[in-house]
Amino acid sequence: LERKPSDANFVYFNAGMPANSLREKMAEEGILIRSKYMDY
């Protein structure tokens, strides 16, 4: 999966699927991540 080189305490990556869909799937298992930003 494509990702950006991070110098922070998070990683920004392209999951190859809508970020909001991935967030919802993760939430179903009790794992919370960020929803999409803007039109990315």
Full PDB file with SEQRES, HELIX, SHEET, SSBOND, CRYST1, ORIGX, SCALE, CONECT and MASTER records, all heavy atoms in Angstrom:
SEQRES   1 A   40  LEU GLU ARG LYS PRO SER ASP ALA ASN PHE VAL TYR PHE          
SEQRES   2 A   40  ASN ALA GLY MET PRO ALA ASN SER LEU ARG GLU LYS MET          
SEQRES   3 A   40  ALA GLU GLU GLY ILE LEU ILE ARG SER LYS TYR MET ASP          
SEQRES   4 A   40  TYR                                                          
HELIX    1 AA1 ALA A   19  GLU A   28  1                                  10    
CRYST1    1.000    1.000    1.000  90.00  90.00  90.00 P 1           1          
ORIGX1      1.000000  0.000000  0.000000        0.00000                         
ORIGX2      0.000000  1.000000  0.000000        0.00000                         
ORIGX3      0.000000  0.000000  1.000000        0.00000                         
SCALE1      1.000000  0.000000  0.000000        0.00000                         
SCALE2      0.000000  1.000000  0.000000        0.00000                         
SCALE3      0.000000  0.000000  1.000000        0.00000                         
ATOM      1  N   LEU A   1       0.836  -1.204   0.000  1.00  0.00           N  
ATOM      2  CA  LEU A   1       0.000   0.000   0.000  1.00  0.00           C  
ATOM      3  C   LEU A   1       0.869   1.251   0.000  1.00  0.00           C  
ATOM      4  O   LEU A   1       1.851   1.349   0.745  1.00  0.00           O  
ATOM      5  CB  LEU A   1      -0.919   0.000   1.228  1.00  0.00           C  
ATOM      6  CG  LEU A   1      -1.900  -1.170   1.335  1.00  0.00           C  
ATOM      7  CD1 LEU A   1      -2.712  -1.059   2.610  1.00  0.00           C  
ATOM      8  CD2 LEU A   1      -2.822  -1.214   0.111  1.00  0.00           C  
ATOM      9  N   GLU A   2       0.499   2.205  -0.808  1.00  0.00           N  
ATOM     10  CA  GLU A   2       1.225   3.469  -0.868  1.00  0.00           C  
ATOM     11  C   GLU A   2       1.047   4.228   0.446  1.00  0.00           C  
ATOM     12  O   GLU A   2      -0.049   4.291   1.003  1.00  0.00           O  
ATOM     13  CB  GLU A   2       0.707   4.316  -2.027  1.00  0.00           C  
ATOM     14  CG  GLU A   2       1.442   5.634  -2.206  1.00  0.00           C  
ATOM     15  CD  GLU A   2       0.867   6.498  -3.309  1.00  0.00           C  
ATOM     16  OE1 GLU A   2      -0.153   6.082  -3.923  1.00  0.00           O  
ATOM     17  OE2 GLU A   2       1.409   7.587  -3.552  1.00  0.00           O  
ATOM     18  N   ARG A   3       2.135   4.805   0.941  1.00  0.00           N  
ATOM     19  CA  ARG A   3       2.083   5.611   2.161  1.00  0.00           C  
ATOM     20  C   ARG A   3       3.015   6.802   2.018  1.00  0.00           C  
ATOM     21  O   ARG A   3       3.933   6.796   1.177  1.00  0.00           O  
ATOM     22  CB  ARG A   3       2.486   4.790   3.384  1.00  0.00           C  
ATOM     23  CG  ARG A   3       3.927   4.298   3.352  1.00  0.00           C  
ATOM     24  CD  ARG A   3       4.329   3.598   4.633  1.00  0.00           C  
ATOM     25  NE  ARG A   3       5.661   3.011   4.552  1.00  0.00           N  
ATOM     26  CZ  ARG A   3       6.806   3.659   4.768  1.00  0.00           C  
ATOM     27  NH1 ARG A   3       6.787   4.960   5.061  1.00  0.00           N  
ATOM     28  NH2 ARG A   3       7.968   3.031   4.678  1.00  0.00           N  
ATOM     29  N   LYS A   4       2.785   7.810   2.847  1.00  0.00           N  
ATOM     30  CA  LYS A   4       3.648   8.974   2.874  1.00  0.00           C  
ATOM     31  C   LYS A   4       4.719   8.811   3.952  1.00  0.00           C  
ATOM     32  O   LYS A   4       4.469   8.198   4.995  1.00  0.00           O  
ATOM     33  CB  LYS A   4       2.822  10.244   3.115  1.00  0.00           C  
ATOM     34  CG  LYS A   4       1.831  10.549   2.001  1.00  0.00           C  
ATOM     35  CD  LYS A   4       2.544  10.643   0.661  1.00  0.00           C  
ATOM     36  CE  LYS A   4       1.575  10.744  -0.514  1.00  0.00           C  
ATOM     37  NZ  LYS A   4       2.285  10.736  -1.801  1.00  0.00           N  
ATOM     38  N   PRO A   5       5.913   9.343   3.715  1.00  0.00           N  
ATOM     39  CA  PRO A   5       6.977   9.244   4.719  1.00  0.00           C  
ATOM     40  C   PRO A   5       6.648  10.127   5.919  1.00  0.00           C  
ATOM     41  O   PRO A   5       6.596  11.355   5.804  1.00  0.00           O  
ATOM     42  CB  PRO A   5       8.217   9.749   3.979  1.00  0.00           C  
ATOM     43  CG  PRO A   5       7.668  10.642   2.890  1.00  0.00           C  
ATOM     44  CD  PRO A   5       6.349  10.050   2.503  1.00  0.00           C  
ATOM     45  N   SER A   6       6.404   9.523   7.060  1.00  0.00           N  
ATOM     46  CA  SER A   6       5.915  10.271   8.218  1.00  0.00           C  
ATOM     47  C   SER A   6       7.024  10.598   9.213  1.00  0.00           C  
ATOM     48  O   SER A   6       7.848   9.743   9.549  1.00  0.00           O  
ATOM     49  CB  SER A   6       4.820   9.481   8.935  1.00  0.00           C  
ATOM     50  OG  SER A   6       4.399  10.160  10.099  1.00  0.00           O  
ATOM     51  N   ASP A   7       6.999  11.822   9.710  1.00  0.00           N  
ATOM     52  CA  ASP A   7       7.852  12.237  10.820  1.00  0.00           C  
ATOM     53  C   ASP A   7       7.006  12.530  12.053  1.00  0.00           C  
ATOM     54  O   ASP A   7       7.484  13.175  12.998  1.00  0.00           O  
ATOM     55  CB  ASP A   7       8.656  13.492  10.441  1.00  0.00           C  
ATOM     56  CG  ASP A   7       9.781  13.184   9.468  1.00  0.00           C  
ATOM     57  OD1 ASP A   7      10.489  12.180   9.691  1.00  0.00           O  
ATOM     58  OD2 ASP A   7       9.940  13.924   8.475  1.00  0.00           O  
ATOM     59  N   ALA A   8       5.761  12.075  12.053  1.00  0.00           N  
ATOM     60  CA  ALA A   8       4.837  12.376  13.142  1.00  0.00           C  
ATOM     61  C   ALA A   8       4.400  11.076  13.835  1.00  0.00           C  
ATOM     62  O   ALA A   8       5.001  10.020  13.625  1.00  0.00           O  
ATOM     63  CB  ALA A   8       3.639  13.145  12.608  1.00  0.00           C  
ATOM     64  N   ASN A   9       3.355  11.144  14.647  1.00  0.00           N  
ATOM     65  CA  ASN A   9       2.876   9.945  15.338  1.00  0.00           C  
ATOM     66  C   ASN A   9       1.641   9.366  14.646  1.00  0.00           C  
ATOM     67  O   ASN A   9       0.695   8.930  15.282  1.00  0.00           O  
ATOM     68  CB  ASN A   9       2.594  10.242  16.816  1.00  0.00           C  
ATOM     69  CG  ASN A   9       1.457  11.224  17.015  1.00  0.00           C  
ATOM     70  OD1 ASN A   9       1.106  11.991  16.104  1.00  0.00           O  
ATOM     71  ND2 ASN A   9       0.867  11.219  18.195  1.00  0.00           N  
ATOM     72  N   PHE A  10       1.677   9.360  13.336  1.00  0.00           N  
ATOM     73  CA  PHE A  10       0.616   8.787  12.509  1.00  0.00           C  
ATOM     74  C   PHE A  10       1.187   8.493  11.133  1.00  0.00           C  
ATOM     75  O   PHE A  10       2.283   8.962  10.789  1.00  0.00           O  
ATOM     76  CB  PHE A  10      -0.578   9.741  12.400  1.00  0.00           C  
ATOM     77  CG  PHE A  10      -0.200  11.125  11.931  1.00  0.00           C  
ATOM     78  CD1 PHE A  10      -0.097  11.420  10.583  1.00  0.00           C  
ATOM     79  CD2 PHE A  10       0.070  12.130  12.849  1.00  0.00           C  
ATOM     80  CE1 PHE A  10       0.265  12.693  10.145  1.00  0.00           C  
ATOM     81  CE2 PHE A  10       0.435  13.406  12.418  1.00  0.00           C  
ATOM     82  CZ  PHE A  10       0.533  13.684  11.072  1.00  0.00           C  
ATOM     83  N   VAL A  11       0.445   7.720  10.362  1.00  0.00           N  
ATOM     84  CA  VAL A  11       0.848   7.404   8.991  1.00  0.00           C  
ATOM     85  C   VAL A  11      -0.352   7.622   8.080  1.00  0.00           C  
ATOM     86  O   VAL A  11      -1.478   7.227   8.410  1.00  0.00           O  
ATOM     87  CB  VAL A  11       1.350   5.953   8.871  1.00  0.00           C  
ATOM     88  CG1 VAL A  11       1.766   5.651   7.429  1.00  0.00           C  
ATOM     89  CG2 VAL A  11       2.536   5.704   9.811  1.00  0.00           C  
ATOM     90  N   TYR A  12      -0.112   8.225   6.931  1.00  0.00           N  
ATOM     91  CA  TYR A  12      -1.137   8.523   5.936  1.00  0.00           C  
ATOM     92  C   TYR A  12      -0.918   7.565   4.767  1.00  0.00           C  
ATOM     93  O   TYR A  12       0.170   7.530   4.168  1.00  0.00           O  
ATOM     94  CB  TYR A  12      -0.990   9.969   5.488  1.00  0.00           C  
ATOM     95  CG  TYR A  12      -2.196  10.575   4.807  1.00  0.00           C  
ATOM     96  CD1 TYR A  12      -3.470  10.479   5.347  1.00  0.00           C  
ATOM     97  CD2 TYR A  12      -2.041  11.304   3.625  1.00  0.00           C  
ATOM     98  CE1 TYR A  12      -4.567  11.065   4.733  1.00  0.00           C  
ATOM     99  CE2 TYR A  12      -3.122  11.909   3.005  1.00  0.00           C  
ATOM    100  CZ  TYR A  12      -4.387  11.780   3.560  1.00  0.00           C  
ATOM    101  OH  TYR A  12      -5.469  12.372   2.954  1.00  0.00           O  
ATOM    102  N   PHE A  13      -1.934   6.771   4.435  1.00  0.00           N  
ATOM    103  CA  PHE A  13      -1.737   5.718   3.445  1.00  0.00           C  
ATOM    104  C   PHE A  13      -2.970   5.571   2.552  1.00  0.00           C  
ATOM    105  O   PHE A  13      -4.083   5.931   2.924  1.00  0.00           O  
ATOM    106  CB  PHE A  13      -1.417   4.389   4.128  1.00  0.00           C  
ATOM    107  CG  PHE A  13      -2.562   3.796   4.926  1.00  0.00           C  
ATOM    108  CD1 PHE A  13      -3.361   2.802   4.386  1.00  0.00           C  
ATOM    109  CD2 PHE A  13      -2.829   4.240   6.215  1.00  0.00           C  
ATOM    110  CE1 PHE A  13      -4.409   2.256   5.112  1.00  0.00           C  
ATOM    111  CE2 PHE A  13      -3.883   3.697   6.952  1.00  0.00           C  
ATOM    112  CZ  PHE A  13      -4.675   2.707   6.397  1.00  0.00           C  
ATOM    113  N   ASN A  14      -2.733   4.992   1.379  1.00  0.00           N  
ATOM    114  CA  ASN A  14      -3.787   4.730   0.405  1.00  0.00           C  
ATOM    115  C   ASN A  14      -4.173   3.258   0.523  1.00  0.00           C  
ATOM    116  O   ASN A  14      -3.415   2.372   0.121  1.00  0.00           O  
ATOM    117  CB  ASN A  14      -3.295   5.054  -1.002  1.00  0.00           C  
ATOM    118  CG  ASN A  14      -4.397   4.949  -2.047  1.00  0.00           C  
ATOM    119  OD1 ASN A  14      -5.403   4.268  -1.844  1.00  0.00           O  
ATOM    120  ND2 ASN A  14      -4.215   5.630  -3.160  1.00  0.00           N  
ATOM    121  N   ALA A  15      -5.350   3.012   1.062  1.00  0.00           N  
ATOM    122  CA  ALA A  15      -5.796   1.634   1.288  1.00  0.00           C  
ATOM    123  C   ALA A  15      -6.361   0.986   0.038  1.00  0.00           C  
ATOM    124  O   ALA A  15      -6.718  -0.199   0.064  1.00  0.00           O  
ATOM    125  CB  ALA A  15      -6.843   1.617   2.399  1.00  0.00           C  
ATOM    126  N   GLY A  16      -6.492   1.758  -1.064  1.00  0.00           N  
ATOM    127  CA  GLY A  16      -7.084   1.196  -2.270  1.00  0.00           C  
ATOM    128  C   GLY A  16      -8.582   1.023  -2.157  1.00  0.00           C  
ATOM    129  O   GLY A  16      -9.188   0.294  -2.960  1.00  0.00           O  
ATOM    130  N   MET A  17      -9.162   1.684  -1.187  1.00  0.00           N  
ATOM    131  CA  MET A  17     -10.614   1.641  -0.979  1.00  0.00           C  
ATOM    132  C   MET A  17     -10.986   2.944  -0.281  1.00  0.00           C  
ATOM    133  O   MET A  17     -10.129   3.638   0.278  1.00  0.00           O  
ATOM    134  CB  MET A  17     -11.009   0.452  -0.101  1.00  0.00           C  
ATOM    135  CG  MET A  17     -10.415   0.488   1.304  1.00  0.00           C  
ATOM    136  SD  MET A  17     -10.804  -0.977   2.303  1.00  0.00           S  
ATOM    137  CE  MET A  17     -12.584  -0.806   2.458  1.00  0.00           C  
ATOM    138  N   PRO A  18     -12.262   3.342  -0.324  1.00  0.00           N  
ATOM    139  CA  PRO A  18     -12.649   4.602   0.323  1.00  0.00           C  
ATOM    140  C   PRO A  18     -12.260   4.631   1.802  1.00  0.00           C  
ATOM    141  O   PRO A  18     -12.503   3.670   2.540  1.00  0.00           O  
ATOM    142  CB  PRO A  18     -14.166   4.634   0.139  1.00  0.00           C  
ATOM    143  CG  PRO A  18     -14.409   3.832  -1.089  1.00  0.00           C  
ATOM    144  CD  PRO A  18     -13.392   2.722  -1.041  1.00  0.00           C  
ATOM    145  N   ALA A  19     -11.645   5.722   2.204  1.00  0.00           N  
ATOM    146  CA  ALA A  19     -11.199   5.851   3.587  1.00  0.00           C  
ATOM    147  C   ALA A  19     -12.351   5.716   4.568  1.00  0.00           C  
ATOM    148  O   ALA A  19     -12.207   5.117   5.640  1.00  0.00           O  
ATOM    149  CB  ALA A  19     -10.495   7.194   3.780  1.00  0.00           C  
ATOM    150  N   ASN A  20     -13.505   6.258   4.199  1.00  0.00           N  
ATOM    151  CA  ASN A  20     -14.660   6.164   5.102  1.00  0.00           C  
ATOM    152  C   ASN A  20     -15.166   4.729   5.228  1.00  0.00           C  
ATOM    153  O   ASN A  20     -15.638   4.312   6.284  1.00  0.00           O  
ATOM    154  CB  ASN A  20     -15.783   7.083   4.627  1.00  0.00           C  
ATOM    155  CG  ASN A  20     -15.465   8.546   4.875  1.00  0.00           C  
ATOM    156  OD1 ASN A  20     -14.494   8.873   5.553  1.00  0.00           O  
ATOM    157  ND2 ASN A  20     -16.274   9.435   4.334  1.00  0.00           N  
ATOM    158  N   SER A  21     -15.049   3.955   4.160  1.00  0.00           N  
ATOM    159  CA  SER A  21     -15.450   2.547   4.223  1.00  0.00           C  
ATOM    160  C   SER A  21     -14.498   1.765   5.118  1.00  0.00           C  
ATOM    161  O   SER A  21     -14.924   0.918   5.918  1.00  0.00           O  
ATOM    162  CB  SER A  21     -15.471   1.930   2.817  1.00  0.00           C  
ATOM    163  OG  SER A  21     -16.443   2.549   2.011  1.00  0.00           O  
ATOM    164  N   LEU A  22     -13.199   2.041   4.978  1.00  0.00           N  
ATOM    165  CA  LEU A  22     -12.226   1.367   5.835  1.00  0.00           C  
ATOM    166  C   LEU A  22     -12.465   1.735   7.291  1.00  0.00           C  
ATOM    167  O   LEU A  22     -12.403   0.865   8.179  1.00  0.00           O  
ATOM    168  CB  LEU A  22     -10.808   1.749   5.417  1.00  0.00           C  
ATOM    169  CG  LEU A  22      -9.683   1.136   6.268  1.00  0.00           C  
ATOM    170  CD1 LEU A  22      -9.725  -0.388   6.200  1.00  0.00           C  
ATOM    171  CD2 LEU A  22      -8.319   1.670   5.828  1.00  0.00           C  
ATOM    172  N   ARG A  23     -12.744   3.000   7.521  1.00  0.00           N  
ATOM    173  CA  ARG A  23     -13.031   3.433   8.898  1.00  0.00           C  
ATOM    174  C   ARG A  23     -14.226   2.675   9.461  1.00  0.00           C  
ATOM    175  O   ARG A  23     -14.203   2.236  10.626  1.00  0.00           O  
ATOM    176  CB  ARG A  23     -13.297   4.941   8.924  1.00  0.00           C  
ATOM    177  CG  ARG A  23     -13.624   5.506  10.297  1.00  0.00           C  
ATOM    178  CD  ARG A  23     -13.840   7.012  10.199  1.00  0.00           C  
ATOM    179  NE  ARG A  23     -14.133   7.589  11.497  1.00  0.00           N  
ATOM    180  CZ  ARG A  23     -15.340   7.695  12.022  1.00  0.00           C  
ATOM    181  NH1 ARG A  23     -16.396   7.225  11.359  1.00  0.00           N  
ATOM    182  NH2 ARG A  23     -15.524   8.247  13.200  1.00  0.00           N  
ATOM    183  N   GLU A  24     -15.278   2.529   8.680  1.00  0.00           N  
ATOM    184  CA  GLU A  24     -16.476   1.826   9.155  1.00  0.00           C  
ATOM    185  C   GLU A  24     -16.186   0.359   9.442  1.00  0.00           C  
ATOM    186  O   GLU A  24     -16.643  -0.200  10.444  1.00  0.00           O  
ATOM    187  CB  GLU A  24     -17.594   1.963   8.117  1.00  0.00           C  
ATOM    188  CG  GLU A  24     -18.156   3.380   8.016  1.00  0.00           C  
ATOM    189  CD  GLU A  24     -19.092   3.544   6.827  1.00  0.00           C  
ATOM    190  OE1 GLU A  24     -19.381   2.523   6.159  1.00  0.00           O  
ATOM    191  OE2 GLU A  24     -19.524   4.692   6.566  1.00  0.00           O  
ATOM    192  N   LYS A  25     -15.421  -0.282   8.575  1.00  0.00           N  
ATOM    193  CA  LYS A  25     -15.083  -1.692   8.795  1.00  0.00           C  
ATOM    194  C   LYS A  25     -14.239  -1.855  10.059  1.00  0.00           C  
ATOM    195  O   LYS A  25     -14.440  -2.807  10.829  1.00  0.00           O  
ATOM    196  CB  LYS A  25     -14.337  -2.252   7.579  1.00  0.00           C  
ATOM    197  CG  LYS A  25     -15.209  -2.435   6.348  1.00  0.00           C  
ATOM    198  CD  LYS A  25     -14.411  -3.084   5.229  1.00  0.00           C  
ATOM    199  CE  LYS A  25     -15.295  -3.358   4.017  1.00  0.00           C  
ATOM    200  NZ  LYS A  25     -14.550  -4.064   2.948  1.00  0.00           N  
ATOM    201  N   MET A  26     -13.293  -0.966  10.228  1.00  0.00           N  
ATOM    202  CA  MET A  26     -12.455  -1.029  11.423  1.00  0.00           C  
ATOM    203  C   MET A  26     -13.300  -0.810  12.681  1.00  0.00           C  
ATOM    204  O   MET A  26     -13.132  -1.498  13.694  1.00  0.00           O  
ATOM    205  CB  MET A  26     -11.348   0.023  11.342  1.00  0.00           C  
ATOM    206  CG  MET A  26     -10.214  -0.322  10.387  1.00  0.00           C  
ATOM    207  SD  MET A  26      -9.114  -1.567  11.089  1.00  0.00           S  
ATOM    208  CE  MET A  26      -7.922  -1.779   9.759  1.00  0.00           C  
ATOM    209  N   ALA A  27     -14.214   0.140  12.609  1.00  0.00           N  
ATOM    210  CA  ALA A  27     -15.049   0.454  13.773  1.00  0.00           C  
ATOM    211  C   ALA A  27     -15.898  -0.744  14.185  1.00  0.00           C  
ATOM    212  O   ALA A  27     -16.192  -0.925  15.375  1.00  0.00           O  
ATOM    213  CB  ALA A  27     -15.932   1.666  13.483  1.00  0.00           C  
ATOM    214  N   GLU A  28     -16.302  -1.572  13.203  1.00  0.00           N  
ATOM    215  CA  GLU A  28     -17.086  -2.762  13.528  1.00  0.00           C  
ATOM    216  C   GLU A  28     -16.316  -3.733  14.412  1.00  0.00           C  
ATOM    217  O   GLU A  28     -16.907  -4.527  15.140  1.00  0.00           O  
ATOM    218  CB  GLU A  28     -17.516  -3.461  12.232  1.00  0.00           C  
ATOM    219  CG  GLU A  28     -18.590  -2.686  11.457  1.00  0.00           C  
ATOM    220  CD  GLU A  28     -18.894  -3.309  10.107  1.00  0.00           C  
ATOM    221  OE1 GLU A  28     -18.273  -4.354   9.784  1.00  0.00           O  
ATOM    222  OE2 GLU A  28     -19.741  -2.751   9.384  1.00  0.00           O  
ATOM    223  N   GLU A  29     -14.990  -3.631  14.368  1.00  0.00           N  
ATOM    224  CA  GLU A  29     -14.151  -4.474  15.216  1.00  0.00           C  
ATOM    225  C   GLU A  29     -13.566  -3.685  16.388  1.00  0.00           C  
ATOM    226  O   GLU A  29     -12.634  -4.150  17.049  1.00  0.00           O  
ATOM    227  CB  GLU A  29     -13.039  -5.112  14.388  1.00  0.00           C  
ATOM    228  CG  GLU A  29     -13.568  -6.071  13.341  1.00  0.00           C  
ATOM    229  CD  GLU A  29     -12.493  -6.972  12.769  1.00  0.00           C  
ATOM    230  OE1 GLU A  29     -11.411  -7.063  13.375  1.00  0.00           O  
ATOM    231  OE2 GLU A  29     -12.755  -7.600  11.735  1.00  0.00           O  
ATOM    232  N   GLY A  30     -14.091  -2.499  16.614  1.00  0.00           N  
ATOM    233  CA  GLY A  30     -13.656  -1.697  17.746  1.00  0.00           C  
ATOM    234  C   GLY A  30     -12.340  -0.995  17.538  1.00  0.00           C  
ATOM    235  O   GLY A  30     -11.682  -0.600  18.508  1.00  0.00           O  
ATOM    236  N   ILE A  31     -11.941  -0.800  16.278  1.00  0.00           N  
ATOM    237  CA  ILE A  31     -10.688  -0.109  15.959  1.00  0.00           C  
ATOM    238  C   ILE A  31     -11.037   1.231  15.325  1.00  0.00           C  
ATOM    239  O   ILE A  31     -11.696   1.274  14.277  1.00  0.00           O  
ATOM    240  CB  ILE A  31      -9.828  -0.942  14.989  1.00  0.00           C  
ATOM    241  CG1 ILE A  31      -9.561  -2.334  15.572  1.00  0.00           C  
ATOM    242  CG2 ILE A  31      -8.513  -0.235  14.692  1.00  0.00           C  
ATOM    243  CD1 ILE A  31      -8.952  -3.300  14.578  1.00  0.00           C  
ATOM    244  N   LEU A  32     -10.610   2.314  15.936  1.00  0.00           N  
ATOM    245  CA  LEU A  32     -10.978   3.649  15.481  1.00  0.00           C  
ATOM    246  C   LEU A  32      -9.818   4.296  14.733  1.00  0.00           C  
ATOM    247  O   LEU A  32      -8.721   4.442  15.274  1.00  0.00           O  
ATOM    248  CB  LEU A  32     -11.383   4.527  16.668  1.00  0.00           C  
ATOM    249  CG  LEU A  32     -12.454   3.944  17.604  1.00  0.00           C  
ATOM    250  CD1 LEU A  32     -12.783   4.940  18.705  1.00  0.00           C  
ATOM    251  CD2 LEU A  32     -13.716   3.565  16.824  1.00  0.00           C  
ATOM    252  N   ILE A  33     -10.050   4.684  13.474  1.00  0.00           N  
ATOM    253  CA  ILE A  33      -9.083   5.451  12.696  1.00  0.00           C  
ATOM    254  C   ILE A  33      -9.793   6.667  12.119  1.00  0.00           C  
ATOM    255  O   ILE A  33     -11.002   6.822  12.265  1.00  0.00           O  
ATOM    256  CB  ILE A  33      -8.433   4.615  11.577  1.00  0.00           C  
ATOM    257  CG1 ILE A  33      -9.486   4.184  10.549  1.00  0.00           C  
ATOM    258  CG2 ILE A  33      -7.711   3.398  12.166  1.00  0.00           C  
ATOM    259  CD1 ILE A  33      -8.876   3.537   9.316  1.00  0.00           C  
ATOM    260  N   ARG A  34      -9.065   7.520  11.440  1.00  0.00           N  
ATOM    261  CA  ARG A  34      -9.607   8.781  10.943  1.00  0.00           C  
ATOM    262  C   ARG A  34     -10.391   8.575   9.651  1.00  0.00           C  
ATOM    263  O   ARG A  34     -10.030   7.742   8.812  1.00  0.00           O  
ATOM    264  CB  ARG A  34      -8.453   9.765  10.723  1.00  0.00           C  
ATOM    265  CG  ARG A  34      -8.848  11.177  10.318  1.00  0.00           C  
ATOM    266  CD  ARG A  34      -9.713  11.863  11.342  1.00  0.00           C  
ATOM    267  NE  ARG A  34      -9.753  13.306  11.164  1.00  0.00           N  
ATOM    268  CZ  ARG A  34     -10.454  13.955  10.231  1.00  0.00           C  
ATOM    269  NH1 ARG A  34     -11.153  13.298   9.356  1.00  0.00           N  
ATOM    270  NH2 ARG A  34     -10.432  15.261  10.175  1.00  0.00           N  
ATOM    271  N   SER A  35     -11.448   9.344   9.484  1.00  0.00           N  
ATOM    272  CA  SER A  35     -12.182   9.367   8.225  1.00  0.00           C  
ATOM    273  C   SER A  35     -11.391  10.170   7.188  1.00  0.00           C  
ATOM    274  O   SER A  35     -10.329  10.723   7.492  1.00  0.00           O  
ATOM    275  CB  SER A  35     -13.561   9.991   8.436  1.00  0.00           C  
ATOM    276  OG  SER A  35     -13.438  11.291   8.989  1.00  0.00           O  
ATOM    277  N   LYS A  36     -11.918  10.258   5.968  1.00  0.00           N  
ATOM    278  CA  LYS A  36     -11.164  10.901   4.889  1.00  0.00           C  
ATOM    279  C   LYS A  36     -11.022  12.400   5.108  1.00  0.00           C  
ATOM    280  O   LYS A  36     -11.811  13.044   5.813  1.00  0.00           O  
ATOM    281  CB  LYS A  36     -11.840  10.638   3.548  1.00  0.00           C  
ATOM    282  CG  LYS A  36     -13.079  11.491   3.289  1.00  0.00           C  
ATOM    283  CD  LYS A  36     -13.487  11.403   1.823  1.00  0.00           C  
ATOM    284  CE  LYS A  36     -14.648  12.351   1.516  1.00  0.00           C  
ATOM    285  NZ  LYS A  36     -14.988  12.388   0.084  1.00  0.00           N  
ATOM    286  N   TYR A  37     -10.005  12.963   4.488  1.00  0.00           N  
ATOM    287  CA  TYR A  37      -9.795  14.405   4.463  1.00  0.00           C  
ATOM    288  C   TYR A  37     -10.168  14.939   3.079  1.00  0.00           C  
ATOM    289  O   TYR A  37      -9.737  14.378   2.058  1.00  0.00           O  
ATOM    290  CB  TYR A  37      -8.327  14.751   4.737  1.00  0.00           C  
ATOM    291  CG  TYR A  37      -7.918  14.599   6.179  1.00  0.00           C  
ATOM    292  CD1 TYR A  37      -7.522  13.370   6.675  1.00  0.00           C  
ATOM    293  CD2 TYR A  37      -7.949  15.684   7.044  1.00  0.00           C  
ATOM    294  CE1 TYR A  37      -7.145  13.226   7.993  1.00  0.00           C  
ATOM    295  CE2 TYR A  37      -7.578  15.553   8.361  1.00  0.00           C  
ATOM    296  CZ  TYR A  37      -7.181  14.318   8.834  1.00  0.00           C  
ATOM    297  OH  TYR A  37      -6.810  14.179  10.151  1.00  0.00           O  
ATOM    298  N   MET A  38     -10.974  15.987   3.063  1.00  0.00           N  
ATOM    299  CA  MET A  38     -11.339  16.660   1.819  1.00  0.00           C  
ATOM    300  C   MET A  38     -11.773  15.636   0.761  1.00  0.00           C  
ATOM    301  O   MET A  38     -12.592  14.771   1.048  1.00  0.00           O  
ATOM    302  CB  MET A  38     -10.185  17.555   1.355  1.00  0.00           C  
ATOM    303  CG  MET A  38      -9.790  18.621   2.400  1.00  0.00           C  
ATOM    304  SD  MET A  38      -8.401  19.658   1.924  1.00  0.00           S  
ATOM    305  CE  MET A  38      -9.139  20.661   0.649  1.00  0.00           C  
ATOM    306  N   ASP A  39     -11.192  15.727  -0.436  1.00  0.00           N  
ATOM    307  CA  ASP A  39     -11.570  14.804  -1.499  1.00  0.00           C  
ATOM    308  C   ASP A  39     -10.495  13.752  -1.749  1.00  0.00           C  
ATOM    309  O   ASP A  39     -10.442  13.136  -2.806  1.00  0.00           O  
ATOM    310  CB  ASP A  39     -11.871  15.562  -2.797  1.00  0.00           C  
ATOM    311  CG  ASP A  39     -10.727  16.461  -3.235  1.00  0.00           C  
ATOM    312  OD1 ASP A  39      -9.698  16.527  -2.513  1.00  0.00           O  
ATOM    313  OD2 ASP A  39     -10.848  17.116  -4.286  1.00  0.00           O  
ATOM    314  N   TYR A  40      -9.652  13.530  -0.750  1.00  0.00           N  
ATOM    315  CA  TYR A  40      -8.643  12.475  -0.844  1.00  0.00           C  
ATOM    316  C   TYR A  40      -9.305  11.164  -0.415  1.00  0.00           C  
ATOM    317  O   TYR A  40      -9.052  10.626   0.674  1.00  0.00           O  
ATOM    318  CB  TYR A  40      -7.429  12.818   0.014  1.00  0.00           C  
ATOM    319  CG  TYR A  40      -6.740  14.090  -0.431  1.00  0.00           C  
ATOM    320  CD1 TYR A  40      -7.093  15.330   0.093  1.00  0.00           C  
ATOM    321  CD2 TYR A  40      -5.749  14.052  -1.412  1.00  0.00           C  
ATOM    322  CE1 TYR A  40      -6.471  16.499  -0.333  1.00  0.00           C  
ATOM    323  CE2 TYR A  40      -5.115  15.216  -1.846  1.00  0.00           C  
ATOM    324  CZ  TYR A  40      -5.484  16.436  -1.304  1.00  0.00           C  
ATOM    325  OH  TYR A  40      -4.870  17.590  -1.726  1.00  0.00           O  
TER     326      TYR A  40                                                      
MASTER        0    0    0    1    0    0    0    6  325    1    0    4          
END                                                                             
